[in-house]
Amino acid sequence: MAIRPRLFFSALTGSLLFIPAVALYSELARRPDIWWTPAPMALSPAESRDRVEIYVRGKPLAAVLAATQLSVTDEGRSIALSPEDVRLRFNNWDRVRVGRLPLLLLYAAALGAGVLLVLLNATGRLVYRGETPRP
């Protein structure tokens, strides 16, 4: 193959590699600390029972709050906490990371195949040389 078409196809493949490379970089460079539950959507201990259990001196937090055994001192006076006063926020990074894994693997495979194609094209390994007669 002449040098001109080989350079053209190498440049074309290299420019197409830019798409999965940018997508992969943007996914991997994203901040991992943005996946917390927003404060207005924080859950009560009863709603979050399937994801977390909190114990206070060996007793479940819900039981301690229901018995009004937990209090907070505010401006010199002690106020007993109720279950409505306690809210929980979760870090959902693990769930988001698992959901993004197939897409990241697809980007990595496309990037690897593209780099291999560029290398094969740039070194002239994809050139059709015709059939050679068997000895």
C-alpha atoms as a PDB file:
ATOM      1  CA  MET A   1       0.000   0.000   0.000  1.00  0.00           C
ATOM      2  CA  ALA A   2       1.300   3.437  -0.820  1.00  0.00           C
ATOM      3  CA  ILE A   3       2.289   5.726   2.004  1.00  0.00           C
ATOM      4  CA  ARG A   4      -0.469   8.257   1.355  1.00  0.00           C
ATOM      5  CA  PRO A   5      -3.480   5.946   1.914  1.00  0.00           C
ATOM      6  CA  ARG A   6      -1.722   4.371   4.870  1.00  0.00           C
ATOM      7  CA  LEU A   7      -1.262   7.797   6.487  1.00  0.00           C
ATOM      8  CA  PHE A   8      -4.858   8.711   5.693  1.00  0.00           C
ATOM      9  CA  PHE A   9      -6.284   5.571   7.292  1.00  0.00           C
ATOM     10  CA  SER A  10      -3.946   5.882  10.284  1.00  0.00           C
ATOM     11  CA  ALA A  11      -5.075   9.486  10.805  1.00  0.00           C
ATOM     12  CA  LEU A  12      -8.722   8.501  10.379  1.00  0.00           C
ATOM     13  CA  THR A  13      -8.454   5.650  12.871  1.00  0.00           C
ATOM     14  CA  GLY A  14      -6.486   7.850  15.273  1.00  0.00           C
ATOM     15  CA  SER A  15      -9.155  10.531  15.143  1.00  0.00           C
ATOM     16  CA  LEU A  16     -11.859   7.923  15.782  1.00  0.00           C
ATOM     17  CA  LEU A  17      -9.844   6.727  18.795  1.00  0.00           C
ATOM     18  CA  PHE A  18     -10.304  10.163  20.254  1.00  0.00           C
ATOM     19  CA  ILE A  19     -14.000   9.429  20.976  1.00  0.00           C
ATOM     20  CA  PRO A  20     -13.581   6.443  23.363  1.00  0.00           C
ATOM     21  CA  ALA A  21     -10.405   7.964  24.839  1.00  0.00           C
ATOM     22  CA  VAL A  22     -12.216  11.155  25.856  1.00  0.00           C
ATOM     23  CA  ALA A  23     -15.232   9.200  27.131  1.00  0.00           C
ATOM     24  CA  LEU A  24     -13.009   6.876  29.165  1.00  0.00           C
ATOM     25  CA  TYR A  25     -11.012   9.769  30.600  1.00  0.00           C
ATOM     26  CA  SER A  26     -14.140  11.729  31.545  1.00  0.00           C
ATOM     27  CA  GLU A  27     -15.606   8.686  33.319  1.00  0.00           C
ATOM     28  CA  LEU A  28     -12.415   7.933  35.235  1.00  0.00           C
ATOM     29  CA  ALA A  29     -11.664  11.557  36.116  1.00  0.00           C
ATOM     30  CA  ARG A  30     -15.099  12.218  37.634  1.00  0.00           C
ATOM     31  CA  ARG A  31     -15.086  13.102  41.319  1.00  0.00           C
ATOM     32  CA  PRO A  32     -16.100  10.129  43.488  1.00  0.00           C
ATOM     33  CA  ASP A  33     -17.433  12.282  46.335  1.00  0.00           C
ATOM     34  CA  ILE A  34     -20.545  13.578  44.531  1.00  0.00           C
ATOM     35  CA  TRP A  35     -22.618  10.458  45.032  1.00  0.00           C
ATOM     36  CA  TRP A  36     -23.937  11.230  48.518  1.00  0.00           C
ATOM     37  CA  THR A  37     -27.685  11.347  49.027  1.00  0.00           C
ATOM     38  CA  PRO A  38     -28.753  15.028  48.882  1.00  0.00           C
ATOM     39  CA  ALA A  39     -29.479  16.479  52.324  1.00  0.00           C
ATOM     40  CA  PRO A  40     -33.179  17.191  51.611  1.00  0.00           C
ATOM     41  CA  MET A  41     -33.638  13.555  50.583  1.00  0.00           C
ATOM     42  CA  ALA A  42     -31.959  12.069  53.672  1.00  0.00           C
ATOM     43  CA  LEU A  43     -33.767   9.009  55.014  1.00  0.00           C
ATOM     44  CA  SER A  44     -35.072   8.285  58.466  1.00  0.00           C
ATOM     45  CA  PRO A  45     -33.667   5.271  60.347  1.00  0.00           C
ATOM     46  CA  ALA A  46     -36.870   3.301  59.653  1.00  0.00           C
ATOM     47  CA  GLU A  47     -36.628   3.931  55.885  1.00  0.00           C
ATOM     48  CA  SER A  48     -32.956   2.980  55.769  1.00  0.00           C
ATOM     49  CA  ARG A  49     -33.277  -0.269  57.686  1.00  0.00           C
ATOM     50  CA  ASP A  50     -32.283  -2.382  54.670  1.00  0.00           C
ATOM     51  CA  ARG A  51     -28.973  -0.508  54.193  1.00  0.00           C
ATOM     52  CA  VAL A  52     -27.686   0.362  57.665  1.00  0.00           C
ATOM     53  CA  GLU A  53     -28.111  -0.529  61.322  1.00  0.00           C
ATOM     54  CA  ILE A  54     -26.974   1.920  63.979  1.00  0.00           C
ATOM     55  CA  TYR A  55     -26.533   0.867  67.589  1.00  0.00           C
ATOM     56  CA  VAL A  56     -26.205   3.069  70.661  1.00  0.00           C
ATOM     57  CA  ARG A  57     -24.601   1.203  73.573  1.00  0.00           C
ATOM     58  CA  GLY A  58     -25.688  -2.115  72.132  1.00  0.00           C
ATOM     59  CA  LYS A  59     -29.303  -1.133  71.453  1.00  0.00           C
ATOM     60  CA  PRO A  60     -30.733  -0.313  68.035  1.00  0.00           C
ATOM     61  CA  LEU A  61     -31.014   3.421  67.398  1.00  0.00           C
ATOM     62  CA  ALA A  62     -34.739   3.168  66.603  1.00  0.00           C
ATOM     63  CA  ALA A  63     -35.440   1.599  70.022  1.00  0.00           C
ATOM     64  CA  VAL A  64     -33.329   4.226  71.823  1.00  0.00           C
ATOM     65  CA  LEU A  65     -35.141   7.039  70.007  1.00  0.00           C
ATOM     66  CA  ALA A  66     -38.573   5.516  70.648  1.00  0.00           C
ATOM     67  CA  ALA A  67     -37.787   5.283  74.370  1.00  0.00           C
ATOM     68  CA  THR A  68     -36.532   8.929  74.295  1.00  0.00           C
ATOM     69  CA  GLN A  69     -33.248   7.891  75.890  1.00  0.00           C
ATOM     70  CA  LEU A  70     -31.142  10.012  73.548  1.00  0.00           C
ATOM     71  CA  SER A  71     -30.984  13.753  74.101  1.00  0.00           C
ATOM     72  CA  VAL A  72     -29.129  16.779  72.782  1.00  0.00           C
ATOM     73  CA  THR A  73     -28.107  19.801  74.812  1.00  0.00           C
ATOM     74  CA  ASP A  74     -29.064  22.986  72.983  1.00  0.00           C
ATOM     75  CA  GLU A  75     -28.409  26.411  74.556  1.00  0.00           C
ATOM     76  CA  GLY A  76     -28.263  24.988  78.062  1.00  0.00           C
ATOM     77  CA  ARG A  77     -31.416  22.881  77.894  1.00  0.00           C
ATOM     78  CA  SER A  78     -31.660  19.189  77.174  1.00  0.00           C
ATOM     79  CA  ILE A  79     -33.993  18.046  74.396  1.00  0.00           C
ATOM     80  CA  ALA A  80     -34.924  14.393  73.854  1.00  0.00           C
ATOM     81  CA  LEU A  81     -34.537  13.260  70.254  1.00  0.00           C
ATOM     82  CA  SER A  82     -37.393  11.625  68.384  1.00  0.00           C
ATOM     83  CA  PRO A  83     -37.093   9.342  65.346  1.00  0.00           C
ATOM     84  CA  GLU A  84     -38.067  12.313  63.117  1.00  0.00           C
ATOM     85  CA  ASP A  85     -34.982  14.249  64.306  1.00  0.00           C
ATOM     86  CA  VAL A  86     -32.487  11.715  62.958  1.00  0.00           C
ATOM     87  CA  ARG A  87     -31.750  11.552  59.226  1.00  0.00           C
ATOM     88  CA  LEU A  88     -29.205   9.440  57.325  1.00  0.00           C
ATOM     89  CA  ARG A  89     -27.330  10.168  54.105  1.00  0.00           C
ATOM     90  CA  PHE A  90     -25.675   7.436  52.072  1.00  0.00           C
ATOM     91  CA  ASN A  91     -22.675   7.358  49.804  1.00  0.00           C
ATOM     92  CA  ASN A  92     -23.891   5.613  46.649  1.00  0.00           C
ATOM     93  CA  TRP A  93     -20.467   5.496  44.970  1.00  0.00           C
ATOM     94  CA  ASP A  94     -20.309   1.696  45.091  1.00  0.00           C
ATOM     95  CA  ARG A  95     -23.638   1.305  43.292  1.00  0.00           C
ATOM     96  CA  VAL A  96     -22.768   3.931  40.679  1.00  0.00           C
ATOM     97  CA  ARG A  97     -19.349   2.382  40.079  1.00  0.00           C
ATOM     98  CA  VAL A  98     -20.876  -1.057  39.456  1.00  0.00           C
ATOM     99  CA  GLY A  99     -23.411   0.471  37.070  1.00  0.00           C
ATOM    100  CA  ARG A 100     -20.676   2.224  35.078  1.00  0.00           C
ATOM    101  CA  LEU A 101     -18.418  -0.822  34.778  1.00  0.00           C
ATOM    102  CA  PRO A 102     -19.874  -2.280  31.530  1.00  0.00           C
ATOM    103  CA  LEU A 103     -19.577   1.078  29.780  1.00  0.00           C
ATOM    104  CA  LEU A 104     -15.983   1.525  30.959  1.00  0.00           C
ATOM    105  CA  LEU A 105     -15.092  -1.960  29.714  1.00  0.00           C
ATOM    106  CA  LEU A 106     -16.645  -1.168  26.327  1.00  0.00           C
ATOM    107  CA  TYR A 107     -14.643   2.067  26.057  1.00  0.00           C
ATOM    108  CA  ALA A 108     -11.428   0.271  27.039  1.00  0.00           C
ATOM    109  CA  ALA A 109     -12.027  -2.496  24.477  1.00  0.00           C
ATOM    110  CA  ALA A 110     -12.742   0.040  21.719  1.00  0.00           C
ATOM    111  CA  LEU A 111      -9.629   1.997  22.639  1.00  0.00           C
ATOM    112  CA  GLY A 112      -7.448  -1.130  22.663  1.00  0.00           C
ATOM    113  CA  ALA A 113      -8.809  -2.359  19.315  1.00  0.00           C
ATOM    114  CA  GLY A 114      -8.323   1.078  17.800  1.00  0.00           C
ATOM    115  CA  VAL A 115      -4.725   1.341  18.990  1.00  0.00           C
ATOM    116  CA  LEU A 116      -4.028  -2.116  17.569  1.00  0.00           C
ATOM    117  CA  LEU A 117      -5.571  -1.096  14.248  1.00  0.00           C
ATOM    118  CA  VAL A 118      -3.489   2.087  14.105  1.00  0.00           C
ATOM    119  CA  LEU A 119      -0.309   0.137  14.846  1.00  0.00           C
ATOM    120  CA  LEU A 120      -1.077  -2.494  12.225  1.00  0.00           C
ATOM    121  CA  ASN A 121      -1.914   0.154   9.651  1.00  0.00           C
ATOM    122  CA  ALA A 122       1.080   2.352  10.439  1.00  0.00           C
ATOM    123  CA  THR A 123       3.538  -0.542  10.174  1.00  0.00           C
ATOM    124  CA  GLY A 124       2.032  -1.816   6.908  1.00  0.00           C
ATOM    125  CA  ARG A 125       0.823  -5.151   8.294  1.00  0.00           C
ATOM    126  CA  LEU A 126      -2.645  -4.756   6.750  1.00  0.00           C
ATOM    127  CA  VAL A 127      -1.337  -4.579   3.201  1.00  0.00           C
ATOM    128  CA  TYR A 128      -2.794  -7.108   0.791  1.00  0.00           C
ATOM    129  CA  ARG A 129       0.118  -8.948  -0.775  1.00  0.00           C
ATOM    130  CA  GLY A 130      -1.814 -11.336  -2.972  1.00  0.00           C
ATOM    131  CA  GLU A 131      -1.726 -15.094  -2.894  1.00  0.00           C
ATOM    132  CA  THR A 132       1.585 -16.852  -2.971  1.00  0.00           C
ATOM    133  CA  PRO A 133       1.847 -20.213  -4.706  1.00  0.00           C
ATOM    134  CA  ARG A 134       2.427 -23.210  -2.472  1.00  0.00           C
ATOM    135  CA  PRO A 135       5.787 -24.860  -2.870  1.00  0.00           C
END
